[in-house]
């Protein structure tokens, strides 16, 4: 069984909702990013999204764009992001790792080579936000053969396609809480609860909510209606604010602790 399925089954028995932080791999550098991933697990993360830095993101807001710029300045590649999963496993990380990447880096890497690499490196899921279901047949077949869940995004504007998208989903269905790119928000789509009900009725899989969630209050608001809460920009912003501490050996632990406290606070 895929580790994502095992984790959701355990959390269901425990009556808990998964907390899934997102980080940009290599922000601010490879080794620091590895330490952040380990700290996220220690602070209560149930799964982690590993974001591949990309120069032309379509779904990412300014906070994650800046994180990508910092990582790219460190010459982080798709191969490095896959290697990060391997290093995390070697360092004792046990929770599911989900690779978040746009399609172009995967295409340039080569699909066969990409799946040959990720299948043995401890990656359980894959999110490709710019790959529509109408064009994902080859990637989906390779994902299923590798037992790596291809996790789709559905948005409030996807009403006519929710059932089609959810039917093909594996792992969980990632529900976008608001329109536009990622980023911290105080308000969500006005019909978000009805939208989540529609998705719930369309699938037996767990459903997760992301985009804009940034506080314990918002996490708690969605815990009542979903199986996972994804927090991206708010955590990446914490990392950005901690960069001066992380870059100095004498204050590195202080920076990691600040990030850990923020994530632990999201759990309540």
Protein backbone atom coordinates (compact mmCIF):
# COMPACT_ATOMS: atom_id res chain seq x y z
CA UNK A 1 0.00 0.00 0.00
CA UNK A 2 1.18 3.52 -0.81
CA UNK A 3 2.43 5.41 2.26
CA UNK A 4 -0.13 8.18 1.65
CA UNK A 5 -2.96 5.64 1.93
CA UNK A 6 -1.43 4.17 5.08
CA UNK A 7 -1.15 7.62 6.67
CA UNK A 8 -4.73 8.62 5.91
CA UNK A 9 -5.99 5.26 7.23
CA UNK A 10 -4.08 5.77 10.49
CA UNK A 11 -5.24 9.37 10.90
CA UNK A 12 -8.84 8.33 10.30
CA UNK A 13 -8.57 5.79 13.11
CA UNK A 14 -7.10 8.52 15.33
CA UNK A 15 -9.81 11.00 14.33
CA UNK A 16 -7.25 13.51 13.03
CA UNK A 17 -6.86 15.66 9.93
CA UNK A 18 -3.53 15.61 8.11
CA UNK A 19 -1.34 18.71 8.13
CA UNK A 20 0.65 18.96 4.91
CA UNK A 21 3.26 21.73 4.76
CA UNK A 22 4.75 22.85 1.45
CA UNK A 23 8.40 23.85 1.12
CA UNK A 24 10.47 24.89 -1.88
CA UNK A 25 13.38 22.49 -2.09
CA UNK A 26 16.71 24.30 -1.89
CA UNK A 27 15.35 27.39 -0.16
CA UNK A 28 17.69 28.89 0.93
CA UNK A 29 20.09 26.04 0.08
CA UNK A 30 20.05 22.24 -0.16
CA UNK A 31 21.35 21.31 3.29
CA UNK A 32 19.26 23.91 5.11
CA UNK A 33 16.20 22.74 3.21
CA UNK A 34 16.90 19.20 4.41
CA UNK A 35 17.08 20.40 8.00
CA UNK A 36 13.77 22.26 7.55
CA UNK A 37 12.07 19.11 6.25
CA UNK A 38 13.28 17.15 9.27
CA UNK A 39 12.05 19.92 11.58
CA UNK A 40 8.63 19.92 9.90
CA UNK A 41 8.18 16.23 10.69
CA UNK A 42 9.34 16.76 14.27
CA UNK A 43 6.83 19.62 14.60
CA UNK A 44 3.82 17.54 13.61
CA UNK A 45 3.64 17.46 9.80
CA UNK A 46 1.84 14.36 8.56
CA UNK A 47 3.07 14.65 4.96
CA UNK A 48 5.27 17.19 3.16
CA UNK A 49 5.02 18.68 -0.32
CA UNK A 50 8.44 19.14 -1.90
CA UNK A 51 8.16 22.05 -4.32
CA UNK A 52 10.46 22.03 -7.32
CA UNK A 53 11.75 25.59 -7.95
CA UNK A 54 10.63 26.83 -11.35
CA UNK A 55 11.34 30.05 -13.19
CA UNK A 56 7.85 30.49 -14.66
CA UNK A 57 5.26 29.24 -12.14
CA UNK A 58 1.59 29.52 -13.03
CA UNK A 59 -0.04 28.74 -9.68
CA UNK A 60 2.43 30.27 -7.24
CA UNK A 61 2.12 33.70 -5.67
CA UNK A 62 4.98 36.10 -4.84
CA UNK A 63 6.11 34.39 -1.62
CA UNK A 64 6.74 31.04 -3.31
CA UNK A 65 8.11 32.78 -6.40
CA UNK A 66 10.77 34.41 -4.23
CA UNK A 67 11.55 31.05 -2.64
CA UNK A 68 12.05 29.58 -6.11
CA UNK A 69 14.38 32.43 -6.99
CA UNK A 70 16.48 31.76 -3.89
CA UNK A 71 16.64 28.04 -4.66
CA UNK A 72 17.50 28.62 -8.31
CA UNK A 73 20.35 30.89 -7.25
CA UNK A 74 21.69 27.79 -5.51
CA UNK A 75 21.32 25.94 -8.84
CA UNK A 76 18.71 23.51 -7.50
CA UNK A 77 17.41 21.17 -10.21
CA UNK A 78 14.61 18.63 -10.50
CA UNK A 79 17.20 15.90 -9.90
CA UNK A 80 18.26 17.67 -6.69
CA UNK A 81 14.64 17.73 -5.51
CA UNK A 82 14.33 14.00 -6.07
CA UNK A 83 17.64 13.48 -4.30
CA UNK A 84 16.23 15.50 -1.39
CA UNK A 85 13.61 12.80 -0.85
CA UNK A 86 16.36 10.19 -0.76
CA UNK A 87 18.44 12.23 1.70
CA UNK A 88 15.39 12.85 3.89
CA UNK A 89 14.78 9.10 4.10
CA UNK A 90 18.44 8.50 4.94
CA UNK A 91 18.13 11.12 7.70
CA UNK A 92 15.14 9.33 9.23
CA UNK A 93 12.11 11.11 7.75
CA UNK A 94 9.25 8.61 7.65
CA UNK A 95 6.17 10.58 6.59
CA UNK A 96 4.94 10.66 2.95
CA UNK A 97 6.77 13.01 0.59
CA UNK A 98 4.85 14.50 -2.34
CA UNK A 99 6.71 16.08 -5.26
CA UNK A 100 5.09 19.29 -6.56
CA UNK A 101 6.40 20.24 -9.99
CA UNK A 102 5.31 21.83 -13.22
CA UNK A 103 5.25 19.64 -16.30
CA UNK A 104 8.01 21.26 -18.34
CA UNK A 105 10.87 20.20 -16.02
CA UNK A 106 9.53 16.64 -16.08
CA UNK A 107 9.21 16.69 -19.87
CA UNK A 108 12.73 18.04 -20.28
CA UNK A 109 14.03 15.44 -17.84
CA UNK A 110 12.38 12.64 -19.79
CA UNK A 111 9.34 10.78 -18.50
CA UNK A 112 10.89 7.34 -18.35
CA UNK A 113 14.04 8.58 -16.66
CA UNK A 114 11.97 10.67 -14.26
CA UNK A 115 9.85 7.75 -13.08
CA UNK A 116 12.82 5.39 -12.93
CA UNK A 117 14.46 7.84 -10.56
CA UNK A 118 11.56 8.76 -8.27
CA UNK A 119 10.27 5.22 -7.80
CA UNK A 120 13.28 4.32 -5.64
CA UNK A 121 13.80 7.61 -3.80
CA UNK A 122 10.99 7.59 -1.26
CA UNK A 123 8.42 9.74 -3.08
CA UNK A 124 4.81 8.70 -2.55
CA UNK A 125 2.86 11.30 -4.52
CA UNK A 126 3.12 13.66 -7.46
CA UNK A 127 1.31 16.96 -8.14
CA UNK A 128 1.62 18.60 -11.56
CA UNK A 129 -0.76 21.58 -11.49
CA UNK A 130 -0.42 22.51 -15.17
CA UNK A 131 -1.11 19.00 -16.51
CA UNK A 132 -4.85 18.70 -17.28
CA UNK A 133 -6.62 15.36 -17.08
CA UNK A 134 -7.22 15.48 -20.83
CA UNK A 135 -3.45 15.20 -21.37
CA UNK A 136 -2.24 13.10 -18.44
CA UNK A 137 -2.71 9.55 -19.75
CA UNK A 138 0.98 8.74 -20.16
CA UNK A 139 2.00 10.28 -16.85
CA UNK A 140 -0.91 8.61 -15.08
CA UNK A 141 -0.02 5.17 -16.46
CA UNK A 142 3.59 5.56 -15.37
CA UNK A 143 2.51 6.80 -11.93
CA UNK A 144 0.26 3.81 -11.38
CA UNK A 145 2.94 1.40 -12.54
CA UNK A 146 5.34 2.98 -10.04
CA UNK A 147 2.75 3.06 -7.19
CA UNK A 148 3.14 6.83 -6.97
CA UNK A 149 -0.14 8.69 -6.54
CA UNK A 150 -0.90 11.38 -9.13
CA UNK A 151 -2.85 13.90 -7.07
CA UNK A 152 -5.15 16.29 -8.97
CA UNK A 153 -6.14 19.85 -8.15
CA UNK A 154 -9.79 20.88 -8.38
CA UNK A 155 -10.96 24.48 -8.04
CA UNK A 156 -14.35 26.06 -7.31
CA UNK A 157 -14.55 26.89 -11.01
CA UNK A 158 -14.15 23.17 -11.88
CA UNK A 159 -17.75 22.30 -10.98
CA UNK A 160 -18.55 20.58 -14.28
CA UNK A 161 -15.30 18.60 -14.14
CA UNK A 162 -15.15 17.65 -10.46
CA UNK A 163 -16.50 14.14 -10.99
CA UNK A 164 -14.21 13.45 -13.96
CA UNK A 165 -11.14 14.72 -12.12
CA UNK A 166 -11.99 12.96 -8.85
CA UNK A 167 -12.64 9.65 -10.59
CA UNK A 168 -9.04 9.59 -11.82
CA UNK A 169 -7.53 10.80 -8.55
CA UNK A 170 -5.18 8.75 -6.42
CA UNK A 171 -4.08 9.46 -2.85
CA UNK A 172 -6.38 12.41 -2.24
CA UNK A 173 -8.13 15.20 -4.09
CA UNK A 174 -6.48 18.59 -3.63
CA UNK A 175 -9.23 21.22 -3.38
CA UNK A 176 -8.20 24.81 -4.11
CA UNK A 177 -9.84 27.05 -1.51
CA UNK A 178 -9.79 30.27 -3.52
CA UNK A 179 -9.28 31.58 -7.01
CA UNK A 180 -5.95 32.90 -8.24
CA UNK A 181 -2.40 31.98 -7.24
CA UNK A 182 -1.11 30.75 -3.89
CA UNK A 183 -0.74 33.24 -1.05
CA UNK A 184 -1.93 34.07 2.43
CA UNK A 185 -5.59 35.11 2.54
CA UNK A 186 -8.16 36.17 5.09
CA UNK A 187 -11.15 35.16 2.93
CA UNK A 188 -11.89 32.11 0.83
CA UNK A 189 -14.22 31.45 -2.07
CA UNK A 190 -17.77 32.27 -1.05
CA UNK A 191 -19.06 28.82 -2.03
CA UNK A 192 -16.15 26.86 -0.56
CA UNK A 193 -18.27 24.67 1.72
CA UNK A 194 -20.67 23.70 -1.05
CA UNK A 195 -17.70 23.06 -3.32
CA UNK A 196 -16.13 20.73 -0.77
CA UNK A 197 -19.44 18.92 -0.38
CA UNK A 198 -19.56 18.45 -4.16
CA UNK A 199 -16.04 16.99 -4.19
CA UNK A 200 -16.83 14.74 -1.21
CA UNK A 201 -19.84 13.33 -3.04
CA UNK A 202 -17.73 12.64 -6.12
CA UNK A 203 -15.03 10.50 -4.51
CA UNK A 204 -14.32 7.99 -1.77
CA UNK A 205 -10.79 9.35 -1.45
CA UNK A 206 -9.71 11.80 1.26
CA UNK A 207 -10.00 15.45 0.30
CA UNK A 208 -7.46 18.13 1.18
CA UNK A 209 -7.76 21.91 1.11
CA UNK A 210 -4.98 24.33 0.24
CA UNK A 211 -4.15 27.79 -1.16
CA UNK A 212 -4.21 30.66 1.32
CA UNK A 213 -4.41 28.81 4.64
CA UNK A 214 -2.08 30.50 7.11
CA UNK A 215 -3.28 30.27 10.73
CA UNK A 216 -4.50 27.82 13.35
CA UNK A 217 -7.97 29.36 13.09
CA UNK A 218 -8.11 28.67 9.36
CA UNK A 219 -6.75 25.15 9.79
CA UNK A 220 -9.40 24.48 12.43
CA UNK A 221 -12.10 25.90 10.14
CA UNK A 222 -11.25 23.34 7.44
CA UNK A 223 -10.46 20.40 9.73
CA UNK A 224 -14.20 19.99 10.26
CA UNK A 225 -14.90 19.46 6.56
CA UNK A 226 -11.84 17.80 5.04
CA UNK A 227 -9.18 15.14 5.63
CA UNK A 228 -6.07 17.24 5.05
CA UNK A 229 -5.04 20.88 5.22
CA UNK A 230 -2.17 22.07 3.02
CA UNK A 231 -0.21 25.12 4.15
CA UNK A 232 2.28 26.60 1.70
CA UNK A 233 2.91 30.33 1.46
CA UNK A 234 2.60 30.93 5.20
CA UNK A 235 5.36 28.40 5.92
CA UNK A 236 7.53 29.58 3.03
CA UNK A 237 7.21 33.11 4.39
CA UNK A 238 8.39 31.88 7.79
CA UNK A 239 11.41 30.38 6.07
CA UNK A 240 12.04 33.64 4.21
CA UNK A 241 11.96 35.60 7.46
CA UNK A 242 14.32 33.08 9.07
CA UNK A 243 16.91 33.12 6.25
CA UNK A 244 19.29 35.55 8.06
CA UNK A 245 19.27 33.20 11.06
CA UNK A 246 19.56 30.05 8.97
CA UNK A 247 22.59 31.34 7.07
CA UNK A 248 24.68 31.80 10.23
CA UNK A 249 25.89 28.67 12.08
CA UNK A 250 25.50 30.39 15.45
CA UNK A 251 21.82 31.18 14.87
CA UNK A 252 20.80 28.28 12.61
CA UNK A 253 19.01 26.39 15.37
CA UNK A 254 17.14 29.55 16.32
CA UNK A 255 15.83 29.85 12.76
CA UNK A 256 14.82 26.20 12.59
CA UNK A 257 13.08 26.48 15.96
CA UNK A 258 11.03 29.46 14.77
CA UNK A 259 9.83 27.50 11.74
CA UNK A 260 9.05 24.50 13.93
CA UNK A 261 7.02 26.58 16.39
CA UNK A 262 4.93 28.01 13.57
CA UNK A 263 4.10 24.55 12.21
CA UNK A 264 3.39 23.16 15.67
CA UNK A 265 1.05 26.10 16.25
CA UNK A 266 -0.94 25.16 13.16
CA UNK A 267 -1.63 21.78 14.75
CA UNK A 268 -3.11 23.41 17.85
